[in-house]
Amino acid sequence: MRGLACGAALKAVLASWEERVGEVKGECGALAPALRRVADEQHEQDVRVKSSVDAVPSEGPLVPGSGRRFSFWFSDGGVPSGSSTP
């Protein structure tokens, strides 16, 4: 008889899990539109930021106080040795 009682208990556990999985599916379904909207908004923001970054000239760093750009620069961002800044 113990085996039959175990089966009944397992059936009750299965039913509770099926109910919970159904609730989770419902919650996920309710979140889907909001998550899609956030993803779309983030993509639009990324496009705006890229456009802003692309608009920045990349010839080299500004020579302080001159409005001109160095024609070359070092990867560490330093001023070339021997260069004078106005």
PDB file of N, CA and C in Angstrom:
ATOM      1  N   MET A   1       0.820  -1.199   0.000  1.00  0.00           N
ATOM      2  CA  MET A   1       0.000   0.000   0.000  1.00  0.00           C
ATOM      3  C   MET A   1       0.864   1.264   0.000  1.00  0.00           C
ATOM      4  N   ARG A   2       2.086   1.152   0.522  1.00  0.00           N
ATOM      5  CA  ARG A   2       2.955   2.330   0.558  1.00  0.00           C
ATOM      6  C   ARG A   2       3.236   2.850  -0.862  1.00  0.00           C
ATOM      7  N   GLY A   3       3.419   1.943  -1.779  1.00  0.00           N
ATOM      8  CA  GLY A   3       3.701   2.327  -3.152  1.00  0.00           C
ATOM      9  C   GLY A   3       2.577   3.151  -3.750  1.00  0.00           C
ATOM     10  N   LEU A   4       1.334   2.810  -3.447  1.00  0.00           N
ATOM     11  CA  LEU A   4       0.206   3.585  -3.949  1.00  0.00           C
ATOM     12  C   LEU A   4       0.172   4.978  -3.331  1.00  0.00           C
ATOM     13  N   ALA A   5       0.522   5.094  -2.063  1.00  0.00           N
ATOM     14  CA  ALA A   5       0.548   6.401  -1.394  1.00  0.00           C
ATOM     15  C   ALA A   5       1.637   7.280  -2.009  1.00  0.00           C
ATOM     16  N   CYS A   6       2.754   6.679  -2.333  1.00  0.00           N
ATOM     17  CA  CYS A   6       3.861   7.421  -2.946  1.00  0.00           C
ATOM     18  C   CYS A   6       3.419   7.959  -4.312  1.00  0.00           C
ATOM     19  N   GLY A   7       2.718   7.161  -5.072  1.00  0.00           N
ATOM     20  CA  GLY A   7       2.233   7.585  -6.382  1.00  0.00           C
ATOM     21  C   GLY A   7       1.290   8.764  -6.259  1.00  0.00           C
ATOM     22  N   ALA A   8       0.414   8.734  -5.284  1.00  0.00           N
ATOM     23  CA  ALA A   8      -0.531   9.834  -5.074  1.00  0.00           C
ATOM     24  C   ALA A   8       0.214  11.112  -4.694  1.00  0.00           C
ATOM     25  N   ALA A   9       1.246  10.982  -3.860  1.00  0.00           N
ATOM     26  CA  ALA A   9       2.035  12.150  -3.453  1.00  0.00           C
ATOM     27  C   ALA A   9       2.767  12.732  -4.667  1.00  0.00           C
ATOM     28  N   LEU A  10       3.328  11.853  -5.504  1.00  0.00           N
ATOM     29  CA  LEU A  10       4.020  12.323  -6.694  1.00  0.00           C
ATOM     30  C   LEU A  10       3.069  13.035  -7.651  1.00  0.00           C
ATOM     31  N   LYS A  11       1.856  12.507  -7.742  1.00  0.00           N
ATOM     32  CA  LYS A  11       0.861  13.129  -8.611  1.00  0.00           C
ATOM     33  C   LYS A  11       0.498  14.529  -8.103  1.00  0.00           C
ATOM     34  N   ALA A  12       0.416  14.701  -6.794  1.00  0.00           N
ATOM     35  CA  ALA A  12       0.115  16.017  -6.210  1.00  0.00           C
ATOM     36  C   ALA A  12       1.262  16.994  -6.471  1.00  0.00           C
ATOM     37  N   VAL A  13       2.510  16.497  -6.343  1.00  0.00           N
ATOM     38  CA  VAL A  13       3.675  17.343  -6.612  1.00  0.00           C
ATOM     39  C   VAL A  13       3.681  17.762  -8.086  1.00  0.00           C
ATOM     40  N   LEU A  14       3.408  16.820  -8.978  1.00  0.00           N
ATOM     41  CA  LEU A  14       3.366  17.117 -10.408  1.00  0.00           C
ATOM     42  C   LEU A  14       2.322  18.190 -10.693  1.00  0.00           C
ATOM     43  N   ALA A  15       1.159  18.063 -10.100  1.00  0.00           N
ATOM     44  CA  ALA A  15       0.103  19.044 -10.329  1.00  0.00           C
ATOM     45  C   ALA A  15       0.527  20.423  -9.849  1.00  0.00           C
ATOM     46  N   SER A  16       1.202  20.505  -8.704  1.00  0.00           N
ATOM     47  CA  SER A  16       1.622  21.819  -8.196  1.00  0.00           C
ATOM     48  C   SER A  16       2.707  22.429  -9.094  1.00  0.00           C
ATOM     49  N   TRP A  17       3.600  21.579  -9.607  1.00  0.00           N
ATOM     50  CA  TRP A  17       4.639  22.074 -10.511  1.00  0.00           C
ATOM     51  C   TRP A  17       4.037  22.536 -11.825  1.00  0.00           C
ATOM     52  N   GLU A  18       3.089  21.806 -12.356  1.00  0.00           N
ATOM     53  CA  GLU A  18       2.437  22.216 -13.597  1.00  0.00           C
ATOM     54  C   GLU A  18       1.736  23.554 -13.419  1.00  0.00           C
ATOM     55  N   GLU A  19       1.117  23.755 -12.260  1.00  0.00           N
ATOM     56  CA  GLU A  19       0.439  25.017 -11.976  1.00  0.00           C
ATOM     57  C   GLU A  19       1.471  26.153 -11.913  1.00  0.00           C
ATOM     58  N   ARG A  20       2.572  25.912 -11.220  1.00  0.00           N
ATOM     59  CA  ARG A  20       3.599  26.957 -11.093  1.00  0.00           C
ATOM     60  C   ARG A  20       4.226  27.292 -12.453  1.00  0.00           C
ATOM     61  N   VAL A  21       4.505  26.284 -13.259  1.00  0.00           N
ATOM     62  CA  VAL A  21       5.076  26.523 -14.588  1.00  0.00           C
ATOM     63  C   VAL A  21       4.099  27.352 -15.428  1.00  0.00           C
ATOM     64  N   GLY A  22       2.832  27.085 -15.307  1.00  0.00           N
ATOM     65  CA  GLY A  22       1.830  27.886 -16.018  1.00  0.00           C
ATOM     66  C   GLY A  22       1.850  29.338 -15.566  1.00  0.00           C
ATOM     67  N   GLU A  23       2.014  29.570 -14.267  1.00  0.00           N
ATOM     68  CA  GLU A  23       2.100  30.937 -13.744  1.00  0.00           C
ATOM     69  C   GLU A  23       3.343  31.651 -14.278  1.00  0.00           C
ATOM     70  N   VAL A  24       4.469  30.938 -14.306  1.00  0.00           N
ATOM     71  CA  VAL A  24       5.716  31.527 -14.801  1.00  0.00           C
ATOM     72  C   VAL A  24       5.581  31.881 -16.281  1.00  0.00           C
ATOM     73  N   LYS A  25       4.975  31.004 -17.056  1.00  0.00           N
ATOM     74  CA  LYS A  25       4.756  31.308 -18.476  1.00  0.00           C
ATOM     75  C   LYS A  25       3.922  32.568 -18.632  1.00  0.00           C
ATOM     76  N   GLY A  26       2.909  32.707 -17.815  1.00  0.00           N
ATOM     77  CA  GLY A  26       2.062  33.897 -17.864  1.00  0.00           C
ATOM     78  C   GLY A  26       2.842  35.154 -17.509  1.00  0.00           C
ATOM     79  N   GLU A  27       3.689  35.074 -16.481  1.00  0.00           N
ATOM     80  CA  GLU A  27       4.505  36.220 -16.086  1.00  0.00           C
ATOM     81  C   GLU A  27       5.472  36.601 -17.202  1.00  0.00           C
ATOM     82  N   CYS A  28       6.099  35.612 -17.807  1.00  0.00           N
ATOM     83  CA  CYS A  28       7.047  35.872 -18.898  1.00  0.00           C
ATOM     84  C   CYS A  28       6.324  36.483 -20.095  1.00  0.00           C
ATOM     85  N   GLY A  29       5.161  35.979 -20.393  1.00  0.00           N
ATOM     86  CA  GLY A  29       4.382  36.522 -21.500  1.00  0.00           C
ATOM     87  C   GLY A  29       4.004  37.976 -21.256  1.00  0.00           C
ATOM     88  N   ALA A  30       3.712  38.312 -20.004  1.00  0.00           N
ATOM     89  CA  ALA A  30       3.354  39.688 -19.676  1.00  0.00           C
ATOM     90  C   ALA A  30       4.564  40.613 -19.776  1.00  0.00           C
ATOM     91  N   LEU A  31       5.760  40.097 -19.516  1.00  0.00           N
ATOM     92  CA  LEU A  31       6.972  40.912 -19.578  1.00  0.00           C
ATOM     93  C   LEU A  31       7.493  41.102 -20.998  1.00  0.00           C
ATOM     94  N   ALA A  32       7.166  40.209 -21.887  1.00  0.00           N
ATOM     95  CA  ALA A  32       7.730  40.225 -23.243  1.00  0.00           C
ATOM     96  C   ALA A  32       7.572  41.574 -23.949  1.00  0.00           C
ATOM     97  N   PRO A  33       6.398  42.199 -23.963  1.00  0.00           N
ATOM     98  CA  PRO A  33       6.279  43.490 -24.659  1.00  0.00           C
ATOM     99  C   PRO A  33       7.183  44.577 -24.057  1.00  0.00           C
ATOM    100  N   ALA A  34       7.275  44.613 -22.740  1.00  0.00           N
ATOM    101  CA  ALA A  34       8.127  45.619 -22.094  1.00  0.00           C
ATOM    102  C   ALA A  34       9.589  45.376 -22.419  1.00  0.00           C
ATOM    103  N   LEU A  35      10.012  44.127 -22.426  1.00  0.00           N
ATOM    104  CA  LEU A  35      11.404  43.811 -22.748  1.00  0.00           C
ATOM    105  C   LEU A  35      11.727  44.156 -24.199  1.00  0.00           C
ATOM    106  N   ARG A  36      10.789  43.908 -25.101  1.00  0.00           N
ATOM    107  CA  ARG A  36      11.002  44.281 -26.502  1.00  0.00           C
ATOM    108  C   ARG A  36      11.112  45.793 -26.658  1.00  0.00           C
ATOM    109  N   ARG A  37      10.267  46.524 -25.937  1.00  0.00           N
ATOM    110  CA  ARG A  37      10.301  47.983 -26.003  1.00  0.00           C
ATOM    111  C   ARG A  37      11.643  48.517 -25.496  1.00  0.00           C
ATOM    112  N   VAL A  38      12.120  47.975 -24.387  1.00  0.00           N
ATOM    113  CA  VAL A  38      13.412  48.399 -23.841  1.00  0.00           C
ATOM    114  C   VAL A  38      14.531  48.096 -24.829  1.00  0.00           C
ATOM    115  N   ALA A  39      14.505  46.928 -25.444  1.00  0.00           N
ATOM    116  CA  ALA A  39      15.535  46.570 -26.433  1.00  0.00           C
ATOM    117  C   ALA A  39      15.506  47.539 -27.606  1.00  0.00           C
ATOM    118  N   ASP A  40      14.321  47.904 -28.085  1.00  0.00           N
ATOM    119  CA  ASP A  40      14.208  48.858 -29.190  1.00  0.00           C
ATOM    120  C   ASP A  40      14.740  50.231 -28.790  1.00  0.00           C
ATOM    121  N   GLU A  41      14.388  50.685 -27.579  1.00  0.00           N
ATOM    122  CA  GLU A  41      14.859  51.983 -27.101  1.00  0.00           C
ATOM    123  C   GLU A  41      16.384  51.983 -26.946  1.00  0.00           C
ATOM    124  N   GLN A  42      16.936  50.900 -26.440  1.00  0.00           N
ATOM    125  CA  GLN A  42      18.385  50.813 -26.268  1.00  0.00           C
ATOM    126  C   GLN A  42      19.079  50.845 -27.627  1.00  0.00           C
ATOM    127  N   HIS A  43      18.513  50.152 -28.604  1.00  0.00           N
ATOM    128  CA  HIS A  43      19.092  50.169 -29.946  1.00  0.00           C
ATOM    129  C   HIS A  43      19.079  51.587 -30.520  1.00  0.00           C
ATOM    130  N   GLU A  44      17.971  52.285 -30.357  1.00  0.00           N
ATOM    131  CA  GLU A  44      17.876  53.654 -30.857  1.00  0.00           C
ATOM    132  C   GLU A  44      18.904  54.553 -30.177  1.00  0.00           C
ATOM    133  N   GLN A  45      19.091  54.366 -28.870  1.00  0.00           N
ATOM    134  CA  GLN A  45      20.088  55.151 -28.137  1.00  0.00           C
ATOM    135  C   GLN A  45      21.492  54.826 -28.643  1.00  0.00           C
ATOM    136  N   ASP A  46      21.774  53.566 -28.889  1.00  0.00           N
ATOM    137  CA  ASP A  46      23.081  53.165 -29.412  1.00  0.00           C
ATOM    138  C   ASP A  46      23.350  53.820 -30.759  1.00  0.00           C
ATOM    139  N   VAL A  47      22.333  53.894 -31.603  1.00  0.00           N
ATOM    140  CA  VAL A  47      22.490  54.528 -32.920  1.00  0.00           C
ATOM    141  C   VAL A  47      22.800  56.011 -32.744  1.00  0.00           C
ATOM    142  N   ARG A  48      22.113  56.683 -31.815  1.00  0.00           N
ATOM    143  CA  ARG A  48      22.372  58.106 -31.578  1.00  0.00           C
ATOM    144  C   ARG A  48      23.787  58.324 -31.049  1.00  0.00           C
ATOM    145  N   VAL A  49      24.225  57.491 -30.124  1.00  0.00           N
ATOM    146  CA  VAL A  49      25.576  57.631 -29.571  1.00  0.00           C
ATOM    147  C   VAL A  49      26.617  57.394 -30.663  1.00  0.00           C
ATOM    148  N   LYS A  50      26.423  56.359 -31.477  1.00  0.00           N
ATOM    149  CA  LYS A  50      27.369  56.082 -32.561  1.00  0.00           C
ATOM    150  C   LYS A  50      27.447  57.265 -33.509  1.00  0.00           C
ATOM    151  N   SER A  51      26.309  57.834 -33.830  1.00  0.00           N
ATOM    152  CA  SER A  51      26.282  58.990 -34.723  1.00  0.00           C
ATOM    153  C   SER A  51      27.062  60.151 -34.114  1.00  0.00           C
ATOM    154  N   SER A  52      26.908  60.384 -32.826  1.00  0.00           N
ATOM    155  CA  SER A  52      27.645  61.451 -32.152  1.00  0.00           C
ATOM    156  C   SER A  52      29.141  61.182 -32.161  1.00  0.00           C
ATOM    157  N   VAL A  53      29.525  59.946 -31.897  1.00  0.00           N
ATOM    158  CA  VAL A  53      30.945  59.587 -31.875  1.00  0.00           C
ATOM    159  C   VAL A  53      31.531  59.697 -33.276  1.00  0.00           C
ATOM    160  N   ASP A  54      30.796  59.255 -34.273  1.00  0.00           N
ATOM    161  CA  ASP A  54      31.279  59.328 -35.653  1.00  0.00           C
ATOM    162  C   ASP A  54      31.489  60.765 -36.109  1.00  0.00           C
ATOM    163  N   ALA A  55      30.762  61.711 -35.519  1.00  0.00           N
ATOM    164  CA  ALA A  55      30.877  63.113 -35.908  1.00  0.00           C
ATOM    165  C   ALA A  55      32.130  63.777 -35.338  1.00  0.00           C
ATOM    166  N   VAL A  56      32.800  63.124 -34.385  1.00  0.00           N
ATOM    167  CA  VAL A  56      34.005  63.693 -33.789  1.00  0.00           C
ATOM    168  C   VAL A  56      35.182  63.446 -34.728  1.00  0.00           C
ATOM    169  N   PRO A  57      35.908  64.522 -35.095  1.00  0.00           N
ATOM    170  CA  PRO A  57      37.068  64.340 -35.978  1.00  0.00           C
ATOM    171  C   PRO A  57      38.105  63.434 -35.306  1.00  0.00           C
ATOM    172  N   SER A  58      38.781  62.646 -36.108  1.00  0.00           N
ATOM    173  CA  SER A  58      39.732  61.706 -35.523  1.00  0.00           C
ATOM    174  C   SER A  58      41.136  61.867 -36.091  1.00  0.00           C
ATOM    175  N   GLU A  59      41.468  63.073 -36.579  1.00  0.00           N
ATOM    176  CA  GLU A  59      42.791  63.281 -37.163  1.00  0.00           C
ATOM    177  C   GLU A  59      43.881  63.224 -36.112  1.00  0.00           C
ATOM    178  N   GLY A  60      43.598  63.601 -34.918  1.00  0.00           N
ATOM    179  CA  GLY A  60      44.592  63.624 -33.851  1.00  0.00           C
ATOM    180  C   GLY A  60      44.141  64.562 -32.756  1.00  0.00           C
ATOM    181  N   PRO A  61      44.870  64.590 -31.651  1.00  0.00           N
ATOM    182  CA  PRO A  61      44.465  65.447 -30.537  1.00  0.00           C
ATOM    183  C   PRO A  61      44.717  66.919 -30.861  1.00  0.00           C
ATOM    184  N   LEU A  62      43.980  67.789 -30.205  1.00  0.00           N
ATOM    185  CA  LEU A  62      44.144  69.230 -30.413  1.00  0.00           C
ATOM    186  C   LEU A  62      45.460  69.702 -29.825  1.00  0.00           C
ATOM    187  N   VAL A  63      46.094  70.642 -30.520  1.00  0.00           N
ATOM    188  CA  VAL A  63      47.243  71.339 -29.960  1.00  0.00           C
ATOM    189  C   VAL A  63      46.657  72.351 -28.991  1.00  0.00           C
ATOM    190  N   PRO A  64      47.003  72.278 -27.709  1.00  0.00           N
ATOM    191  CA  PRO A  64      46.381  73.158 -26.720  1.00  0.00           C
ATOM    192  C   PRO A  64      46.438  74.619 -27.129  1.00  0.00           C
ATOM    193  N   GLY A  65      45.292  75.293 -27.093  1.00  0.00           N
ATOM    194  CA  GLY A  65      45.190  76.709 -27.346  1.00  0.00           C
ATOM    195  C   GLY A  65      45.230  77.127 -28.809  1.00  0.00           C
ATOM    196  N   SER A  66      45.394  76.208 -29.748  1.00  0.00           N
ATOM    197  CA  SER A  66      45.555  76.617 -31.142  1.00  0.00           C
ATOM    198  C   SER A  66      44.346  76.316 -32.005  1.00  0.00           C
ATOM    199  N   GLY A  67      43.528  75.378 -31.606  1.00  0.00           N
ATOM    200  CA  GLY A  67      42.421  74.953 -32.446  1.00  0.00           C
ATOM    201  C   GLY A  67      42.879  74.043 -33.572  1.00  0.00           C
ATOM    202  N   ARG A  68      44.204  73.786 -33.664  1.00  0.00           N
ATOM    203  CA  ARG A  68      44.753  72.890 -34.690  1.00  0.00           C
ATOM    204  C   ARG A  68      44.951  71.504 -34.080  1.00  0.00           C
ATOM    205  N   ARG A  69      45.118  70.561 -34.939  1.00  0.00           N
ATOM    206  CA  ARG A  69      45.338  69.189 -34.493  1.00  0.00           C
ATOM    207  C   ARG A  69      46.747  68.745 -34.848  1.00  0.00           C
ATOM    208  N   PHE A  70      47.314  67.925 -33.963  1.00  0.00           N
ATOM    209  CA  PHE A  70      48.578  67.283 -34.299  1.00  0.00           C
ATOM    210  C   PHE A  70      48.331  66.378 -35.499  1.00  0.00           C
ATOM    211  N   SER A  71      49.288  66.263 -36.369  1.00  0.00           N
ATOM    212  CA  SER A  71      49.118  65.374 -37.513  1.00  0.00           C
ATOM    213  C   SER A  71      49.442  63.938 -37.120  1.00  0.00           C
ATOM    214  N   PHE A  72      50.039  63.745 -35.965  1.00  0.00           N
ATOM    215  CA  PHE A  72      50.307  62.406 -35.442  1.00  0.00           C
ATOM    216  C   PHE A  72      50.255  62.488 -33.930  1.00  0.00           C
ATOM    217  N   TRP A  73      50.114  61.369 -33.296  1.00  0.00           N
ATOM    218  CA  TRP A  73      50.117  61.310 -31.841  1.00  0.00           C
ATOM    219  C   TRP A  73      50.542  59.920 -31.417  1.00  0.00           C
ATOM    220  N   PHE A  74      50.850  59.829 -30.156  1.00  0.00           N
ATOM    221  CA  PHE A  74      51.282  58.558 -29.600  1.00  0.00           C
ATOM    222  C   PHE A  74      50.085  57.823 -29.013  1.00  0.00           C
ATOM    223  N   SER A  75      50.179  56.508 -28.989  1.00  0.00           N
ATOM    224  CA  SER A  75      49.054  55.716 -28.502  1.00  0.00           C
ATOM    225  C   SER A  75      48.736  56.004 -27.047  1.00  0.00           C
ATOM    226  N   ASP A  76      49.721  56.514 -26.280  1.00  0.00           N
ATOM    227  CA  ASP A  76      49.439  56.826 -24.869  1.00  0.00           C
ATOM    228  C   ASP A  76      48.805  58.203 -24.709  1.00  0.00           C
ATOM    229  N   GLY A  77      48.572  58.899 -25.849  1.00  0.00           N
ATOM    230  CA  GLY A  77      47.914  60.200 -25.802  1.00  0.00           C
ATOM    231  C   GLY A  77      48.863  61.349 -25.520  1.00  0.00           C
ATOM    232  N   GLY A  78      50.161  61.062 -25.400  1.00  0.00           N
ATOM    233  CA  GLY A  78      51.129  62.094 -25.075  1.00  0.00           C
ATOM    234  C   GLY A  78      51.442  62.992 -26.260  1.00  0.00           C
ATOM    235  N   VAL A  79      52.044  64.133 -25.945  1.00  0.00           N
ATOM    236  CA  VAL A  79      52.474  65.080 -26.965  1.00  0.00           C
ATOM    237  C   VAL A  79      53.795  64.582 -27.525  1.00  0.00           C
ATOM    238  N   PRO A  80      53.975  64.635 -28.842  1.00  0.00           N
ATOM    239  CA  PRO A  80      55.244  64.201 -29.428  1.00  0.00           C
ATOM    240  C   PRO A  80      56.420  64.980 -28.839  1.00  0.00           C
ATOM    241  N   SER A  81      57.501  64.303 -28.569  1.00  0.00           N
ATOM    242  CA  SER A  81      58.659  64.976 -27.972  1.00  0.00           C
ATOM    243  C   SER A  81      59.202  66.006 -28.951  1.00  0.00           C
ATOM    244  N   GLY A  82      59.688  67.111 -28.409  1.00  0.00           N
ATOM    245  CA  GLY A  82      60.220  68.166 -29.244  1.00  0.00           C
ATOM    246  C   GLY A  82      59.161  69.104 -29.793  1.00  0.00           C
ATOM    247  N   SER A  83      57.900  68.791 -29.545  1.00  0.00           N
ATOM    248  CA  SER A  83      56.827  69.673 -30.030  1.00  0.00           C
ATOM    249  C   SER A  83      56.635  70.799 -29.033  1.00  0.00           C
ATOM    250  N   SER A  84      56.395  71.946 -29.561  1.00  0.00           N
ATOM    251  CA  SER A  84      56.082  73.063 -28.663  1.00  0.00           C
ATOM    252  C   SER A  84      54.600  73.352 -28.818  1.00  0.00           C
ATOM    253  N   THR A  85      54.014  73.719 -27.732  1.00  0.00           N
ATOM    254  CA  THR A  85      52.586  74.065 -27.777  1.00  0.00           C
ATOM    255  C   THR A  85      52.471  75.557 -27.592  1.00  0.00           C
ATOM    256  N   PRO A  86      51.673  76.211 -28.402  1.00  0.00           N
ATOM    257  CA  PRO A  86      51.527  77.673 -28.312  1.00  0.00           C
ATOM    258  C   PRO A  86      50.873  78.087 -27.005  1.00  0.00           C
TER     259      PRO A  86
END
